[in-house]
Amino acid sequence: MLRYTLMRLGIFVGCLVVVWGLVHFGLAPRGLGSSNGMWIALLALVVSAPISFVALRGERERASVQIVERVERAKANLDANRSQEDVADDAARAEGHATTS
């Protein structure tokens, strides 16, 4: 998951540099007034999103598999804990009935 995030960040930074260069040399429009930095960041975000979607498809699928595995392990652990609590509760109830009878 960290690898995917770093790759996505790298694509964004690369797009940010390219967009800054295009705006700096007048090949892309500048923002209004003091909003030039915000314009460059927004444009880089818009450009990097589809590039990341296509270029990182395999990495995104690997990250998805890892997340699904973690969720399944967490569910299994919860089920195991729940069954242990049930056994302990049943034993306590059985012991309680044995002493009151």
N, C-alpha and C. Protein backbone atom coordinates (compact mmCIF):
# COMPACT_ATOMS: atom_id res chain seq x y z
N MET A 1 0.82 -1.19 0.00
CA MET A 1 0.00 0.00 0.00
C MET A 1 0.88 1.26 0.00
N LEU A 2 1.94 1.22 0.78
CA LEU A 2 2.86 2.36 0.83
C LEU A 2 3.52 2.56 -0.54
N ARG A 3 3.85 1.45 -1.18
CA ARG A 3 4.48 1.54 -2.50
C ARG A 3 3.55 2.23 -3.50
N TYR A 4 2.27 1.85 -3.50
CA TYR A 4 1.30 2.46 -4.40
C TYR A 4 1.18 3.96 -4.11
N THR A 5 1.12 4.32 -2.85
CA THR A 5 1.00 5.72 -2.47
C THR A 5 2.21 6.52 -2.93
N LEU A 6 3.39 5.96 -2.73
CA LEU A 6 4.61 6.66 -3.15
C LEU A 6 4.69 6.79 -4.67
N MET A 7 4.25 5.76 -5.38
CA MET A 7 4.25 5.83 -6.85
C MET A 7 3.25 6.89 -7.32
N ARG A 8 2.11 6.94 -6.68
CA ARG A 8 1.10 7.94 -7.04
C ARG A 8 1.62 9.35 -6.76
N LEU A 9 2.27 9.51 -5.62
CA LEU A 9 2.86 10.80 -5.28
C LEU A 9 3.94 11.19 -6.28
N GLY A 10 4.74 10.22 -6.71
CA GLY A 10 5.78 10.49 -7.70
C GLY A 10 5.20 10.95 -9.03
N ILE A 11 4.12 10.32 -9.46
CA ILE A 11 3.46 10.76 -10.70
C ILE A 11 2.93 12.17 -10.55
N PHE A 12 2.34 12.48 -9.39
CA PHE A 12 1.83 13.84 -9.16
C PHE A 12 2.97 14.85 -9.19
N VAL A 13 4.07 14.56 -8.52
CA VAL A 13 5.20 15.50 -8.49
C VAL A 13 5.76 15.69 -9.89
N GLY A 14 5.87 14.61 -10.67
CA GLY A 14 6.33 14.74 -12.05
C GLY A 14 5.41 15.63 -12.87
N CYS A 15 4.10 15.44 -12.71
CA CYS A 15 3.14 16.28 -13.43
C CYS A 15 3.22 17.72 -12.94
N LEU A 16 3.46 17.90 -11.66
CA LEU A 16 3.58 19.25 -11.10
C LEU A 16 4.76 19.99 -11.73
N VAL A 17 5.88 19.30 -11.87
CA VAL A 17 7.07 19.91 -12.49
C VAL A 17 6.79 20.25 -13.96
N VAL A 18 6.16 19.32 -14.67
CA VAL A 18 5.86 19.56 -16.09
C VAL A 18 4.89 20.72 -16.25
N VAL A 19 3.84 20.75 -15.46
CA VAL A 19 2.86 21.84 -15.55
C VAL A 19 3.50 23.16 -15.17
N TRP A 20 4.33 23.15 -14.13
CA TRP A 20 5.02 24.40 -13.75
C TRP A 20 5.87 24.90 -14.91
N GLY A 21 6.59 23.97 -15.57
CA GLY A 21 7.42 24.37 -16.72
C GLY A 21 6.57 24.94 -17.85
N LEU A 22 5.45 24.31 -18.12
CA LEU A 22 4.57 24.81 -19.19
C LEU A 22 4.03 26.19 -18.86
N VAL A 23 3.63 26.41 -17.61
CA VAL A 23 3.12 27.72 -17.21
C VAL A 23 4.25 28.75 -17.21
N HIS A 24 5.40 28.35 -16.73
CA HIS A 24 6.55 29.27 -16.65
C HIS A 24 6.95 29.77 -18.04
N PHE A 25 6.92 28.89 -19.02
CA PHE A 25 7.32 29.28 -20.37
C PHE A 25 6.15 29.78 -21.22
N GLY A 26 5.00 29.93 -20.63
CA GLY A 26 3.85 30.49 -21.31
C GLY A 26 3.11 29.54 -22.24
N LEU A 27 3.40 28.26 -22.15
CA LEU A 27 2.72 27.28 -22.99
C LEU A 27 1.37 26.85 -22.41
N ALA A 28 1.15 27.14 -21.15
CA ALA A 28 -0.13 26.88 -20.49
C ALA A 28 -0.55 28.18 -19.81
N PRO A 29 -1.85 28.42 -19.67
CA PRO A 29 -2.28 29.70 -19.08
C PRO A 29 -1.91 29.83 -17.61
N ARG A 30 -1.66 31.06 -17.20
CA ARG A 30 -1.37 31.36 -15.80
C ARG A 30 -2.68 31.51 -15.05
N GLY A 31 -2.60 31.34 -13.72
CA GLY A 31 -3.77 31.59 -12.88
C GLY A 31 -4.03 33.07 -12.76
N LEU A 32 -5.16 33.42 -12.19
CA LEU A 32 -5.51 34.83 -12.01
C LEU A 32 -4.84 35.39 -10.76
N GLY A 33 -4.18 36.49 -10.91
CA GLY A 33 -3.57 37.17 -9.77
C GLY A 33 -2.57 36.29 -9.04
N SER A 34 -2.80 36.12 -7.72
CA SER A 34 -1.87 35.34 -6.90
C SER A 34 -2.25 33.86 -6.83
N SER A 35 -3.19 33.43 -7.64
CA SER A 35 -3.64 32.03 -7.60
C SER A 35 -2.82 31.12 -8.51
N ASN A 36 -1.70 31.58 -9.01
CA ASN A 36 -0.91 30.79 -9.95
C ASN A 36 -0.47 29.45 -9.36
N GLY A 37 -0.02 29.45 -8.10
CA GLY A 37 0.42 28.21 -7.46
C GLY A 37 -0.72 27.22 -7.31
N MET A 38 -1.88 27.72 -6.93
CA MET A 38 -3.05 26.85 -6.80
C MET A 38 -3.46 26.30 -8.17
N TRP A 39 -3.39 27.13 -9.18
CA TRP A 39 -3.74 26.71 -10.54
C TRP A 39 -2.80 25.59 -11.01
N ILE A 40 -1.52 25.76 -10.76
CA ILE A 40 -0.54 24.75 -11.17
C ILE A 40 -0.80 23.43 -10.45
N ALA A 41 -1.05 23.49 -9.14
CA ALA A 41 -1.31 22.27 -8.37
C ALA A 41 -2.60 21.59 -8.84
N LEU A 42 -3.64 22.36 -9.08
CA LEU A 42 -4.90 21.79 -9.53
C LEU A 42 -4.76 21.17 -10.92
N LEU A 43 -4.08 21.84 -11.81
CA LEU A 43 -3.87 21.30 -13.15
C LEU A 43 -3.02 20.02 -13.09
N ALA A 44 -2.00 20.01 -12.24
CA ALA A 44 -1.17 18.81 -12.09
C ALA A 44 -1.99 17.66 -11.52
N LEU A 45 -2.89 17.94 -10.60
CA LEU A 45 -3.75 16.91 -10.04
C LEU A 45 -4.68 16.32 -11.11
N VAL A 46 -5.25 17.19 -11.93
CA VAL A 46 -6.16 16.74 -12.99
C VAL A 46 -5.41 15.91 -14.03
N VAL A 47 -4.18 16.26 -14.32
CA VAL A 47 -3.40 15.52 -15.31
C VAL A 47 -2.89 14.20 -14.73
N SER A 48 -2.49 14.21 -13.45
CA SER A 48 -1.90 13.00 -12.86
C SER A 48 -2.93 11.92 -12.55
N ALA A 49 -4.19 12.28 -12.31
CA ALA A 49 -5.20 11.29 -11.94
C ALA A 49 -5.39 10.22 -13.02
N PRO A 50 -5.66 10.60 -14.28
CA PRO A 50 -5.82 9.53 -15.29
C PRO A 50 -4.52 8.78 -15.58
N ILE A 51 -3.39 9.46 -15.48
CA ILE A 51 -2.11 8.77 -15.69
C ILE A 51 -1.93 7.70 -14.61
N SER A 52 -2.20 8.05 -13.35
CA SER A 52 -2.09 7.09 -12.26
C SER A 52 -3.07 5.94 -12.43
N PHE A 53 -4.28 6.26 -12.87
CA PHE A 53 -5.30 5.23 -13.05
C PHE A 53 -4.85 4.17 -14.05
N VAL A 54 -4.22 4.59 -15.12
CA VAL A 54 -3.78 3.66 -16.16
C VAL A 54 -2.44 3.01 -15.78
N ALA A 55 -1.48 3.82 -15.37
CA ALA A 55 -0.13 3.32 -15.15
C ALA A 55 -0.01 2.45 -13.90
N LEU A 56 -0.83 2.66 -12.91
CA LEU A 56 -0.70 1.93 -11.65
C LEU A 56 -1.77 0.88 -11.45
N ARG A 57 -2.40 0.43 -12.52
CA ARG A 57 -3.48 -0.56 -12.40
C ARG A 57 -3.00 -1.83 -11.69
N GLY A 58 -1.88 -2.37 -12.10
CA GLY A 58 -1.36 -3.59 -11.48
C GLY A 58 -1.02 -3.40 -10.02
N GLU A 59 -0.39 -2.30 -9.70
CA GLU A 59 -0.02 -2.02 -8.31
C GLU A 59 -1.27 -1.82 -7.45
N ARG A 60 -2.28 -1.18 -8.01
CA ARG A 60 -3.54 -0.98 -7.29
C ARG A 60 -4.21 -2.32 -6.99
N GLU A 61 -4.16 -3.24 -7.95
CA GLU A 61 -4.74 -4.57 -7.73
C GLU A 61 -3.99 -5.34 -6.66
N ARG A 62 -2.65 -5.23 -6.65
CA ARG A 62 -1.87 -5.88 -5.60
C ARG A 62 -2.20 -5.30 -4.23
N ALA A 63 -2.34 -3.99 -4.15
CA ALA A 63 -2.70 -3.35 -2.88
C ALA A 63 -4.09 -3.80 -2.45
N SER A 64 -5.00 -3.94 -3.39
CA SER A 64 -6.36 -4.39 -3.08
C SER A 64 -6.35 -5.80 -2.50
N VAL A 65 -5.54 -6.68 -3.08
CA VAL A 65 -5.43 -8.05 -2.56
C VAL A 65 -4.90 -8.03 -1.13
N GLN A 66 -3.92 -7.20 -0.86
CA GLN A 66 -3.37 -7.11 0.50
C GLN A 66 -4.43 -6.63 1.48
N ILE A 67 -5.22 -5.67 1.07
CA ILE A 67 -6.27 -5.15 1.96
C ILE A 67 -7.32 -6.22 2.23
N VAL A 68 -7.71 -6.94 1.20
CA VAL A 68 -8.69 -8.00 1.37
C VAL A 68 -8.16 -9.08 2.32
N GLU A 69 -6.89 -9.44 2.18
CA GLU A 69 -6.28 -10.42 3.08
C GLU A 69 -6.29 -9.93 4.52
N ARG A 70 -5.98 -8.67 4.74
CA ARG A 70 -6.01 -8.11 6.11
C ARG A 70 -7.41 -8.15 6.69
N VAL A 71 -8.39 -7.80 5.89
CA VAL A 71 -9.77 -7.80 6.36
C VAL A 71 -10.20 -9.23 6.71
N GLU A 72 -9.85 -10.19 5.88
CA GLU A 72 -10.21 -11.59 6.15
C GLU A 72 -9.54 -12.08 7.43
N ARG A 73 -8.27 -11.71 7.65
CA ARG A 73 -7.59 -12.10 8.90
C ARG A 73 -8.26 -11.48 10.10
N ALA A 74 -8.65 -10.20 9.98
CA ALA A 74 -9.32 -9.53 11.09
C ALA A 74 -10.66 -10.20 11.39
N LYS A 75 -11.40 -10.57 10.35
CA LYS A 75 -12.68 -11.27 10.56
C LYS A 75 -12.46 -12.61 11.24
N ALA A 76 -11.43 -13.35 10.80
CA ALA A 76 -11.13 -14.65 11.41
C ALA A 76 -10.75 -14.48 12.88
N ASN A 77 -9.96 -13.46 13.18
CA ASN A 77 -9.58 -13.20 14.58
C ASN A 77 -10.79 -12.84 15.41
N LEU A 78 -11.69 -12.04 14.87
CA LEU A 78 -12.91 -11.68 15.61
C LEU A 78 -13.77 -12.91 15.86
N ASP A 79 -13.90 -13.77 14.85
CA ASP A 79 -14.68 -14.99 15.03
C ASP A 79 -14.05 -15.90 16.08
N ALA A 80 -12.72 -16.00 16.05
CA ALA A 80 -12.03 -16.83 17.06
C ALA A 80 -12.24 -16.27 18.46
N ASN A 81 -12.12 -14.96 18.60
CA ASN A 81 -12.34 -14.34 19.91
C ASN A 81 -13.77 -14.53 20.37
N ARG A 82 -14.70 -14.40 19.44
CA ARG A 82 -16.11 -14.56 19.78
C ARG A 82 -16.39 -15.98 20.26
N SER A 83 -15.80 -16.99 19.59
CA SER A 83 -16.03 -18.37 20.00
C SER A 83 -15.37 -18.65 21.35
N GLN A 84 -14.22 -18.04 21.62
CA GLN A 84 -13.58 -18.21 22.93
C GLN A 84 -14.44 -17.61 24.03
N GLU A 85 -15.04 -16.46 23.76
CA GLU A 85 -15.92 -15.84 24.74
C GLU A 85 -17.15 -16.71 24.99
N ASP A 86 -17.68 -17.32 23.94
CA ASP A 86 -18.84 -18.19 24.09
C ASP A 86 -18.50 -19.40 24.95
N VAL A 87 -17.35 -20.01 24.74
CA VAL A 87 -16.94 -21.18 25.53
C VAL A 87 -16.76 -20.78 26.99
N ALA A 88 -16.11 -19.64 27.23
CA ALA A 88 -15.91 -19.17 28.60
C ALA A 88 -17.25 -18.85 29.27
N ASP A 89 -18.16 -18.23 28.53
CA ASP A 89 -19.47 -17.91 29.08
C ASP A 89 -20.26 -19.17 29.39
N ASP A 90 -20.23 -20.15 28.49
CA ASP A 90 -20.93 -21.41 28.73
C ASP A 90 -20.37 -22.13 29.96
N ALA A 91 -19.03 -22.11 30.10
CA ALA A 91 -18.41 -22.75 31.26
C ALA A 91 -18.81 -22.04 32.55
N ALA A 92 -18.85 -20.73 32.53
CA ALA A 92 -19.23 -19.98 33.72
C ALA A 92 -20.69 -20.23 34.08
N ARG A 93 -21.54 -20.32 33.10
CA ARG A 93 -22.97 -20.60 33.37
C ARG A 93 -23.14 -22.01 33.92
N ALA A 94 -22.41 -22.96 33.33
CA ALA A 94 -22.49 -24.34 33.82
C ALA A 94 -22.01 -24.43 35.26
N GLU A 95 -20.95 -23.73 35.58
CA GLU A 95 -20.42 -23.72 36.94
C GLU A 95 -21.40 -23.06 37.89
N GLY A 96 -22.05 -22.00 37.43
CA GLY A 96 -23.05 -21.31 38.26
C GLY A 96 -24.25 -22.18 38.54
N HIS A 97 -24.70 -22.96 37.57
CA HIS A 97 -25.84 -23.85 37.78
C HIS A 97 -25.45 -25.01 38.70
N ALA A 98 -24.20 -25.45 38.64
CA ALA A 98 -23.76 -26.57 39.47
C ALA A 98 -23.70 -26.16 40.94
N THR A 99 -23.31 -24.91 41.25
CA THR A 99 -23.20 -24.47 42.64
C THR A 99 -24.55 -24.08 43.23
N THR A 100 -25.50 -23.65 42.43
CA THR A 100 -26.81 -23.26 42.96
C THR A 100 -27.74 -24.44 43.08
N SER A 101 -27.45 -25.54 42.42
CA SER A 101 -28.34 -26.71 42.48
C SER A 101 -28.06 -27.61 43.62
